[in-house]
């Protein structure tokens, strides 16, 4: 079970990382004039922000659950 959870966690973090790099690449390309559609850039940035915010909230909930369980002992 731990291996399955670790694999899922690693996969999700990899996807969040990919979205962050994509947003950075899109913003850089827009800044140098390689991308003309600002909508695509804004969409990539918002996807990356949402993914990071969601991941942070899940992490916080997991830490809260861990602390609660450790206090029960």
Protein backbone atom coordinates (compact mmCIF):
# COMPACT_ATOMS: atom_id res chain seq x y z
CA UNK A 1 0.00 0.00 0.00
CA UNK A 2 2.83 2.41 0.80
CA UNK A 3 4.41 1.81 -2.61
CA UNK A 4 1.11 2.56 -4.34
CA UNK A 5 0.64 5.76 -2.34
CA UNK A 6 4.23 6.82 -3.00
CA UNK A 7 3.83 6.19 -6.73
CA UNK A 8 0.64 8.24 -6.89
CA UNK A 9 2.21 11.04 -4.85
CA UNK A 10 5.30 11.09 -7.05
CA UNK A 11 3.17 11.14 -10.20
CA UNK A 12 1.05 14.06 -8.96
CA UNK A 13 4.10 16.07 -7.93
CA UNK A 14 5.65 15.39 -11.32
CA UNK A 15 2.55 16.73 -13.06
CA UNK A 16 2.53 19.85 -10.87
CA UNK A 17 6.20 20.37 -11.69
CA UNK A 18 5.50 19.91 -15.41
CA UNK A 19 2.73 22.52 -15.26
CA UNK A 20 5.04 24.97 -13.48
CA UNK A 21 7.75 24.56 -16.12
CA UNK A 22 5.20 24.87 -18.92
CA UNK A 23 3.86 28.12 -17.47
CA UNK A 24 7.38 29.48 -17.14
CA UNK A 25 8.22 28.49 -20.72
CA UNK A 26 5.00 30.07 -22.02
CA UNK A 27 5.67 33.32 -20.15
CA UNK A 28 9.25 33.44 -21.41
CA UNK A 29 8.14 32.76 -24.99
CA UNK A 30 5.53 35.50 -24.72
CA UNK A 31 8.09 37.95 -23.35
CA UNK A 32 10.41 37.45 -26.34
CA UNK A 33 7.56 37.54 -28.85
CA UNK A 34 7.43 33.85 -29.80
CA UNK A 35 3.83 33.49 -28.58
CA UNK A 36 1.19 35.98 -29.63
CA UNK A 37 -1.86 34.59 -27.85
CA UNK A 38 -1.81 35.92 -24.29
CA UNK A 39 -4.80 33.70 -23.50
CA UNK A 40 -2.67 30.56 -23.81
CA UNK A 41 -0.05 32.07 -21.53
CA UNK A 42 -2.61 33.10 -18.92
CA UNK A 43 -4.22 29.66 -19.08
CA UNK A 44 -0.89 27.90 -18.53
CA UNK A 45 -0.08 30.17 -15.58
CA UNK A 46 -3.51 29.66 -14.00
CA UNK A 47 -3.30 25.87 -14.41
CA UNK A 48 0.08 25.85 -12.71
CA UNK A 49 -1.13 28.10 -9.89
CA UNK A 50 -4.25 26.01 -9.31
CA UNK A 51 -2.25 22.76 -9.27
CA UNK A 52 0.27 24.16 -6.79
CA UNK A 53 -2.45 25.62 -4.55
CA UNK A 54 -4.36 22.34 -4.56
CA UNK A 55 -1.23 20.33 -3.82
CA UNK A 56 -0.37 22.66 -0.94
CA UNK A 57 -3.85 22.28 0.53
CA UNK A 58 -3.67 18.49 0.30
CA UNK A 59 -0.26 18.56 1.99
CA UNK A 60 -1.62 20.74 4.78
CA UNK A 61 -4.57 18.37 5.33
CA UNK A 62 -2.24 15.37 5.42
CA UNK A 63 -0.02 17.08 7.97
CA UNK A 64 -3.07 17.99 10.09
CA UNK A 65 -4.24 14.37 9.98
CA UNK A 66 -0.78 13.13 10.92
CA UNK A 67 -0.58 15.52 13.88
CA UNK A 68 -4.02 14.49 15.05
CA UNK A 69 -3.14 10.81 14.84
CA UNK A 70 0.14 11.33 16.65
CA UNK A 71 -1.70 13.10 19.52
CA UNK A 72 -4.06 10.14 19.90
CA UNK A 73 -1.24 7.83 20.99
